[in-house]
């Protein structure tokens, strides 16, 4: 079983379309593009929120709100980079074809590997969101 702390160390190896790899790749090009777009939009929302909070001289406690859209953006971008959907990994499905064509992952070992990767992505995205919010909170005004 792979160590979830190390699951984000390297991107999934190059492989052809339609090839599922437990704990390494569970989405194809259409799903990757969807997550990249969502990640970019969420990071943009975090930047806009940070700008508004700074412009209105919001208290430090309010600046922590930036963690939410920033973590959401990190989830999307990490999933795109790693070619792995955390939600699909937790749900035991994969989709390497057209959008909406998810299929069940067979085998408990494959589902365990997918869940470990999904948790690693979630933890990494949460850490990114909190780190970004902390930087904003610590900004002197």
N, C-alpha and C. Protein backbone atom coordinates (compact mmCIF):
# COMPACT_ATOMS: atom_id res chain seq x y z
N UNK A 1 0.86 -1.18 0.00
CA UNK A 1 0.00 0.00 0.00
C UNK A 1 0.89 1.22 0.00
N UNK A 2 0.55 2.23 -0.80
CA UNK A 2 1.37 3.43 -0.89
C UNK A 2 1.16 4.33 0.31
N UNK A 3 2.16 5.10 0.61
CA UNK A 3 2.11 6.05 1.72
C UNK A 3 1.43 7.32 1.23
N UNK A 4 0.27 7.73 1.81
CA UNK A 4 -0.44 8.91 1.32
C UNK A 4 0.40 10.19 1.41
N UNK A 5 1.34 10.25 2.36
CA UNK A 5 2.18 11.44 2.47
C UNK A 5 3.05 11.60 1.23
N UNK A 6 3.38 10.52 0.57
CA UNK A 6 4.25 10.56 -0.60
C UNK A 6 3.48 10.52 -1.91
N UNK A 7 2.17 10.43 -1.84
CA UNK A 7 1.36 10.24 -3.03
C UNK A 7 1.41 11.41 -4.00
N UNK A 8 1.80 12.60 -3.54
CA UNK A 8 1.86 13.76 -4.42
C UNK A 8 3.27 14.07 -4.88
N UNK A 9 4.22 13.23 -4.54
CA UNK A 9 5.62 13.52 -4.84
C UNK A 9 5.90 13.71 -6.32
N UNK A 10 5.24 12.98 -7.18
CA UNK A 10 5.51 13.08 -8.61
C UNK A 10 4.21 12.96 -9.38
N UNK A 11 4.13 13.65 -10.53
CA UNK A 11 2.92 13.50 -11.34
C UNK A 11 2.80 12.08 -11.88
N UNK A 12 1.61 11.74 -12.30
CA UNK A 12 1.40 10.42 -12.88
C UNK A 12 2.29 10.25 -14.09
N UNK A 13 2.82 9.06 -14.29
CA UNK A 13 3.68 8.85 -15.46
C UNK A 13 2.90 9.01 -16.75
N UNK A 14 3.60 9.34 -17.81
CA UNK A 14 2.96 9.49 -19.12
C UNK A 14 2.37 8.16 -19.54
N UNK A 15 1.20 8.20 -20.10
CA UNK A 15 0.55 6.99 -20.59
C UNK A 15 -0.48 7.38 -21.63
N UNK A 16 -0.94 6.40 -22.33
CA UNK A 16 -1.90 6.66 -23.38
C UNK A 16 -3.30 6.92 -22.85
N UNK A 17 -4.17 7.53 -23.68
CA UNK A 17 -5.54 7.79 -23.27
C UNK A 17 -6.28 6.48 -23.01
N UNK A 18 -7.17 6.52 -22.05
CA UNK A 18 -7.97 5.35 -21.74
C UNK A 18 -7.31 4.37 -20.81
N UNK A 19 -6.15 4.71 -20.28
CA UNK A 19 -5.43 3.80 -19.39
C UNK A 19 -5.59 4.23 -17.94
N UNK A 20 -6.32 3.43 -17.19
CA UNK A 20 -6.53 3.69 -15.77
C UNK A 20 -5.38 3.10 -14.98
N UNK A 21 -4.88 3.87 -14.02
CA UNK A 21 -3.83 3.38 -13.12
C UNK A 21 -4.26 3.68 -11.70
N UNK A 22 -4.51 2.65 -10.90
CA UNK A 22 -4.97 2.86 -9.52
C UNK A 22 -4.02 3.77 -8.74
N UNK A 23 -4.58 4.78 -8.12
CA UNK A 23 -3.80 5.71 -7.32
C UNK A 23 -2.92 6.64 -8.11
N UNK A 24 -3.01 6.60 -9.45
CA UNK A 24 -2.16 7.45 -10.27
C UNK A 24 -2.94 8.22 -11.33
N UNK A 25 -3.94 7.61 -11.96
CA UNK A 25 -4.68 8.29 -13.03
C UNK A 25 -6.08 7.70 -13.11
N UNK A 26 -7.09 8.56 -12.91
CA UNK A 26 -8.46 8.07 -13.02
C UNK A 26 -9.34 8.97 -13.87
N UNK A 27 -8.74 9.97 -14.54
CA UNK A 27 -9.51 10.85 -15.43
C UNK A 27 -8.74 11.07 -16.73
N UNK A 28 -9.53 11.35 -17.78
CA UNK A 28 -8.95 11.60 -19.09
C UNK A 28 -8.96 13.07 -19.44
N UNK A 29 -8.65 13.40 -20.69
CA UNK A 29 -8.48 14.80 -21.12
C UNK A 29 -9.68 15.72 -20.86
N UNK A 30 -10.89 15.24 -21.09
CA UNK A 30 -12.06 16.10 -20.88
C UNK A 30 -12.22 16.45 -19.40
N UNK A 31 -12.05 15.46 -18.54
CA UNK A 31 -12.16 15.69 -17.10
C UNK A 31 -11.00 16.57 -16.59
N UNK A 32 -9.83 16.38 -17.14
CA UNK A 32 -8.67 17.19 -16.75
C UNK A 32 -8.93 18.65 -17.10
N UNK A 33 -9.42 18.90 -18.30
CA UNK A 33 -9.70 20.28 -18.72
C UNK A 33 -10.76 20.92 -17.83
N UNK A 34 -11.76 20.16 -17.46
CA UNK A 34 -12.81 20.68 -16.58
C UNK A 34 -12.24 21.08 -15.22
N UNK A 35 -11.37 20.28 -14.67
CA UNK A 35 -10.78 20.59 -13.37
C UNK A 35 -9.81 21.76 -13.45
N UNK A 36 -9.08 21.85 -14.55
CA UNK A 36 -8.17 22.99 -14.73
C UNK A 36 -8.96 24.30 -14.78
N UNK A 37 -10.04 24.33 -15.54
CA UNK A 37 -10.88 25.53 -15.62
C UNK A 37 -11.45 25.90 -14.25
N UNK A 38 -11.97 24.91 -13.55
CA UNK A 38 -12.54 25.17 -12.23
C UNK A 38 -11.47 25.68 -11.26
N UNK A 39 -10.29 25.11 -11.32
CA UNK A 39 -9.20 25.54 -10.45
C UNK A 39 -8.79 26.97 -10.70
N UNK A 40 -8.68 27.33 -11.96
CA UNK A 40 -8.30 28.70 -12.32
C UNK A 40 -9.38 29.69 -11.87
N UNK A 41 -10.64 29.34 -12.08
CA UNK A 41 -11.73 30.22 -11.63
C UNK A 41 -11.72 30.40 -10.12
N UNK A 42 -11.50 29.32 -9.39
CA UNK A 42 -11.51 29.41 -7.93
C UNK A 42 -10.32 30.22 -7.41
N UNK A 43 -9.16 30.05 -8.01
CA UNK A 43 -8.01 30.87 -7.60
C UNK A 43 -8.29 32.34 -7.92
N UNK A 44 -8.90 32.61 -9.05
CA UNK A 44 -9.28 33.99 -9.39
C UNK A 44 -10.25 34.56 -8.36
N UNK A 45 -11.20 33.74 -7.92
CA UNK A 45 -12.14 34.18 -6.90
C UNK A 45 -11.42 34.47 -5.59
N UNK A 46 -10.43 33.64 -5.25
CA UNK A 46 -9.66 33.87 -4.02
C UNK A 46 -8.88 35.17 -4.09
N UNK A 47 -8.29 35.44 -5.24
CA UNK A 47 -7.54 36.68 -5.42
C UNK A 47 -8.48 37.88 -5.32
N UNK A 48 -9.64 37.78 -5.96
CA UNK A 48 -10.62 38.88 -5.90
C UNK A 48 -11.10 39.09 -4.47
N UNK A 49 -11.38 38.02 -3.76
CA UNK A 49 -11.81 38.13 -2.37
C UNK A 49 -10.72 38.77 -1.51
N UNK A 50 -9.50 38.35 -1.72
CA UNK A 50 -8.38 38.94 -0.97
C UNK A 50 -8.27 40.43 -1.24
N UNK A 51 -8.42 40.82 -2.49
CA UNK A 51 -8.34 42.24 -2.84
C UNK A 51 -9.45 43.04 -2.16
N UNK A 52 -10.65 42.49 -2.15
CA UNK A 52 -11.77 43.18 -1.51
C UNK A 52 -11.54 43.28 0.00
N UNK A 53 -11.11 42.20 0.60
CA UNK A 53 -10.86 42.21 2.04
C UNK A 53 -9.78 43.23 2.42
N UNK A 54 -8.76 43.33 1.61
CA UNK A 54 -7.71 44.32 1.87
C UNK A 54 -8.22 45.74 1.62
N UNK A 55 -9.02 45.90 0.57
CA UNK A 55 -9.52 47.24 0.22
C UNK A 55 -10.44 47.80 1.30
N UNK A 56 -11.22 46.93 1.94
CA UNK A 56 -12.15 47.41 2.97
C UNK A 56 -11.52 47.33 4.36
N UNK A 57 -10.24 47.00 4.41
CA UNK A 57 -9.51 46.90 5.67
C UNK A 57 -10.21 45.94 6.63
N UNK A 58 -10.56 44.77 6.09
CA UNK A 58 -11.24 43.74 6.89
C UNK A 58 -10.33 43.26 8.01
N UNK A 59 -10.92 42.89 9.13
CA UNK A 59 -10.10 42.37 10.24
C UNK A 59 -9.40 41.07 9.83
N UNK A 60 -8.34 40.77 10.53
CA UNK A 60 -7.56 39.56 10.23
C UNK A 60 -8.42 38.30 10.23
N UNK A 61 -9.36 38.22 11.15
CA UNK A 61 -10.21 37.02 11.23
C UNK A 61 -10.99 36.82 9.93
N UNK A 62 -11.43 37.88 9.30
CA UNK A 62 -12.20 37.77 8.06
C UNK A 62 -11.32 37.31 6.90
N UNK A 63 -10.04 37.61 6.97
CA UNK A 63 -9.13 37.23 5.88
C UNK A 63 -8.96 35.72 5.75
N UNK A 64 -9.28 34.98 6.82
CA UNK A 64 -9.20 33.53 6.76
C UNK A 64 -10.17 32.95 5.73
N UNK A 65 -11.19 33.72 5.36
CA UNK A 65 -12.17 33.24 4.37
C UNK A 65 -11.53 32.91 3.03
N UNK A 66 -10.40 33.51 2.74
CA UNK A 66 -9.70 33.26 1.48
C UNK A 66 -9.27 31.80 1.37
N UNK A 67 -9.12 31.13 2.50
CA UNK A 67 -8.69 29.73 2.48
C UNK A 67 -9.66 28.86 1.69
N UNK A 68 -10.95 29.15 1.74
CA UNK A 68 -11.94 28.29 1.08
C UNK A 68 -11.81 28.30 -0.44
N UNK A 69 -11.91 29.46 -1.11
CA UNK A 69 -11.76 29.40 -2.56
C UNK A 69 -10.34 29.03 -2.99
N UNK A 70 -9.35 29.38 -2.18
CA UNK A 70 -7.98 29.02 -2.55
C UNK A 70 -7.78 27.51 -2.47
N UNK A 71 -8.32 26.87 -1.44
CA UNK A 71 -8.24 25.41 -1.35
C UNK A 71 -9.02 24.76 -2.49
N UNK A 72 -10.17 25.33 -2.83
CA UNK A 72 -10.94 24.81 -3.95
C UNK A 72 -10.18 24.90 -5.26
N UNK A 73 -9.51 26.02 -5.46
CA UNK A 73 -8.68 26.17 -6.66
C UNK A 73 -7.53 25.19 -6.67
N UNK A 74 -6.92 25.00 -5.51
CA UNK A 74 -5.81 24.05 -5.41
C UNK A 74 -6.29 22.63 -5.73
N UNK A 75 -7.47 22.26 -5.26
CA UNK A 75 -8.01 20.94 -5.56
C UNK A 75 -8.12 20.77 -7.08
N UNK A 76 -8.73 21.74 -7.75
CA UNK A 76 -8.90 21.64 -9.19
C UNK A 76 -7.58 21.55 -9.94
N UNK A 77 -6.65 22.41 -9.58
CA UNK A 77 -5.36 22.42 -10.29
C UNK A 77 -4.52 21.18 -9.98
N UNK A 78 -4.56 20.72 -8.74
CA UNK A 78 -3.83 19.49 -8.41
C UNK A 78 -4.42 18.30 -9.16
N UNK A 79 -5.74 18.22 -9.21
CA UNK A 79 -6.38 17.12 -9.93
C UNK A 79 -6.00 17.15 -11.41
N UNK A 80 -5.98 18.33 -12.00
CA UNK A 80 -5.61 18.44 -13.41
C UNK A 80 -4.16 18.01 -13.61
N UNK A 81 -3.27 18.49 -12.75
CA UNK A 81 -1.85 18.16 -12.88
C UNK A 81 -1.58 16.68 -12.68
N UNK A 82 -2.26 16.10 -11.71
CA UNK A 82 -2.02 14.70 -11.36
C UNK A 82 -2.88 13.72 -12.15
N UNK A 83 -3.82 14.24 -12.95
CA UNK A 83 -4.73 13.42 -13.74
C UNK A 83 -5.52 12.47 -12.85
N UNK A 84 -5.98 13.04 -11.73
CA UNK A 84 -6.67 12.21 -10.75
C UNK A 84 -7.74 13.03 -10.06
N UNK A 85 -8.98 12.58 -10.13
CA UNK A 85 -10.10 13.24 -9.46
C UNK A 85 -10.27 12.67 -8.06
N UNK A 86 -10.15 13.55 -7.06
CA UNK A 86 -10.27 13.11 -5.67
C UNK A 86 -11.67 12.57 -5.39
N UNK A 87 -12.70 13.24 -5.89
CA UNK A 87 -14.06 12.78 -5.65
C UNK A 87 -14.26 11.39 -6.25
N UNK A 88 -13.81 11.20 -7.49
CA UNK A 88 -13.93 9.90 -8.12
C UNK A 88 -13.16 8.85 -7.32
N UNK A 89 -11.99 9.22 -6.84
CA UNK A 89 -11.19 8.30 -6.05
C UNK A 89 -11.91 7.85 -4.79
N UNK A 90 -12.59 8.78 -4.13
CA UNK A 90 -13.34 8.43 -2.92
C UNK A 90 -14.59 7.60 -3.26
N UNK A 91 -15.19 7.89 -4.40
CA UNK A 91 -16.43 7.20 -4.80
C UNK A 91 -16.18 5.85 -5.47
N UNK A 92 -14.92 5.57 -5.81
CA UNK A 92 -14.61 4.30 -6.45
C UNK A 92 -15.00 4.24 -7.92
N UNK A 93 -14.88 5.40 -8.60
CA UNK A 93 -15.17 5.43 -10.03
C UNK A 93 -14.00 6.07 -10.78
N UNK A 94 -14.07 5.98 -12.09
CA UNK A 94 -13.05 6.57 -12.98
C UNK A 94 -13.74 7.04 -14.25
N UNK A 95 -13.12 7.97 -14.96
CA UNK A 95 -13.66 8.39 -16.24
C UNK A 95 -12.53 8.86 -17.13
N UNK A 96 -12.14 8.03 -18.06
CA UNK A 96 -11.09 8.37 -19.00
C UNK A 96 -11.67 8.68 -20.37
N UNK A 97 -12.99 8.71 -20.48
CA UNK A 97 -13.65 8.99 -21.75
C UNK A 97 -14.32 10.35 -21.73
N UNK A 98 -15.47 10.42 -22.38
CA UNK A 98 -16.24 11.66 -22.46
C UNK A 98 -16.82 12.00 -21.10
N UNK A 99 -17.12 13.28 -20.90
CA UNK A 99 -17.73 13.71 -19.65
C UNK A 99 -19.02 12.93 -19.41
N UNK A 100 -19.24 12.56 -18.16
CA UNK A 100 -20.45 11.83 -17.81
C UNK A 100 -20.40 10.33 -18.06
N UNK A 101 -19.24 9.80 -18.38
CA UNK A 101 -19.12 8.37 -18.69
C UNK A 101 -18.33 7.61 -17.62
N UNK A 102 -18.53 7.96 -16.36
CA UNK A 102 -17.80 7.31 -15.27
C UNK A 102 -18.18 5.84 -15.17
N UNK A 103 -17.20 5.05 -14.78
CA UNK A 103 -17.43 3.62 -14.58
C UNK A 103 -16.80 3.20 -13.26
N UNK A 104 -17.33 2.16 -12.68
CA UNK A 104 -16.90 1.68 -11.38
C UNK A 104 -15.49 1.08 -11.44
N UNK A 105 -14.70 1.37 -10.40
CA UNK A 105 -13.37 0.77 -10.26
C UNK A 105 -13.55 -0.60 -9.60
N UNK A 106 -13.00 -1.61 -10.21
CA UNK A 106 -13.11 -2.97 -9.69
C UNK A 106 -11.88 -3.29 -8.85
N UNK A 107 -12.10 -4.00 -7.79
CA UNK A 107 -11.01 -4.49 -6.96
C UNK A 107 -10.74 -3.62 -5.75
N UNK A 108 -10.69 -4.24 -4.57
CA UNK A 108 -10.46 -3.47 -3.35
C UNK A 108 -9.09 -2.80 -3.30
N UNK A 109 -8.07 -3.41 -3.85
CA UNK A 109 -6.72 -2.81 -3.82
C UNK A 109 -6.70 -1.53 -4.66
N UNK A 110 -7.34 -1.55 -5.81
CA UNK A 110 -7.40 -0.36 -6.66
C UNK A 110 -8.20 0.74 -5.97
N UNK A 111 -9.30 0.41 -5.33
CA UNK A 111 -10.10 1.41 -4.62
C UNK A 111 -9.33 1.99 -3.43
N UNK A 112 -8.57 1.15 -2.73
CA UNK A 112 -7.74 1.65 -1.62
C UNK A 112 -6.68 2.63 -2.13
N UNK A 113 -6.02 2.29 -3.22
CA UNK A 113 -5.00 3.17 -3.80
C UNK A 113 -5.62 4.50 -4.22
N UNK A 114 -6.80 4.44 -4.81
CA UNK A 114 -7.50 5.66 -5.24
C UNK A 114 -7.90 6.51 -4.05
N UNK A 115 -8.40 5.88 -2.99
CA UNK A 115 -8.78 6.65 -1.79
C UNK A 115 -7.56 7.32 -1.16
N UNK A 116 -6.43 6.62 -1.12
CA UNK A 116 -5.21 7.20 -0.54
C UNK A 116 -4.78 8.43 -1.34
N UNK A 117 -4.84 8.35 -2.66
CA UNK A 117 -4.47 9.49 -3.51
C UNK A 117 -5.47 10.63 -3.31
N UNK A 118 -6.75 10.30 -3.19
CA UNK A 118 -7.78 11.33 -2.99
C UNK A 118 -7.54 12.07 -1.68
N UNK A 119 -7.23 11.34 -0.61
CA UNK A 119 -6.95 12.00 0.67
C UNK A 119 -5.70 12.87 0.58
N UNK A 120 -4.68 12.40 -0.13
CA UNK A 120 -3.46 13.19 -0.28
C UNK A 120 -3.75 14.51 -1.00
N UNK A 121 -4.58 14.46 -2.03
CA UNK A 121 -4.96 15.68 -2.75
C UNK A 121 -5.74 16.61 -1.83
N UNK A 122 -6.68 16.07 -1.07
CA UNK A 122 -7.49 16.89 -0.17
C UNK A 122 -6.63 17.57 0.89
N UNK A 123 -5.71 16.82 1.46
CA UNK A 123 -4.83 17.39 2.50
C UNK A 123 -3.93 18.46 1.90
N UNK A 124 -3.35 18.19 0.74
CA UNK A 124 -2.48 19.17 0.10
C UNK A 124 -3.23 20.44 -0.25
N UNK A 125 -4.44 20.30 -0.79
CA UNK A 125 -5.24 21.48 -1.15
C UNK A 125 -5.62 22.28 0.10
N UNK A 126 -5.98 21.59 1.16
CA UNK A 126 -6.30 22.28 2.42
C UNK A 126 -5.10 23.05 2.95
N UNK A 127 -3.92 22.43 2.88
CA UNK A 127 -2.70 23.10 3.35
C UNK A 127 -2.40 24.33 2.50
N UNK A 128 -2.61 24.23 1.19
CA UNK A 128 -2.38 25.37 0.31
C UNK A 128 -3.35 26.50 0.66
N UNK A 129 -4.62 26.15 0.85
CA UNK A 129 -5.61 27.17 1.21
C UNK A 129 -5.26 27.85 2.53
N UNK A 130 -4.89 27.08 3.53
CA UNK A 130 -4.55 27.65 4.83
C UNK A 130 -3.27 28.48 4.76
N UNK A 131 -2.29 28.02 4.01
CA UNK A 131 -1.04 28.78 3.88
C UNK A 131 -1.30 30.13 3.19
N UNK A 132 -2.10 30.12 2.15
CA UNK A 132 -2.43 31.37 1.46
C UNK A 132 -3.19 32.32 2.36
N UNK A 133 -4.13 31.79 3.12
CA UNK A 133 -4.90 32.63 4.04
C UNK A 133 -4.01 33.17 5.15
N UNK A 134 -3.11 32.35 5.65
CA UNK A 134 -2.19 32.80 6.69
C UNK A 134 -1.32 33.95 6.17
N UNK A 135 -0.85 33.83 4.95
CA UNK A 135 -0.05 34.92 4.36
C UNK A 135 -0.87 36.21 4.31
N UNK A 136 -2.14 36.10 3.95
CA UNK A 136 -2.99 37.27 3.90
C UNK A 136 -3.25 37.85 5.28
N UNK A 137 -3.46 36.98 6.24
CA UNK A 137 -3.70 37.42 7.62
C UNK A 137 -2.48 38.15 8.16
N UNK A 138 -1.29 37.69 7.81
CA UNK A 138 -0.06 38.27 8.34
C UNK A 138 0.40 39.54 7.61
N UNK A 139 -0.27 39.86 6.51
CA UNK A 139 0.10 41.08 5.78
C UNK A 139 -0.12 42.32 6.68
N UNK A 140 0.89 43.13 6.80
CA UNK A 140 0.69 44.35 7.59
C UNK A 140 -0.10 45.37 6.79
N UNK A 141 -0.92 46.12 7.49
CA UNK A 141 -1.69 47.18 6.81
C UNK A 141 -1.32 48.53 7.35
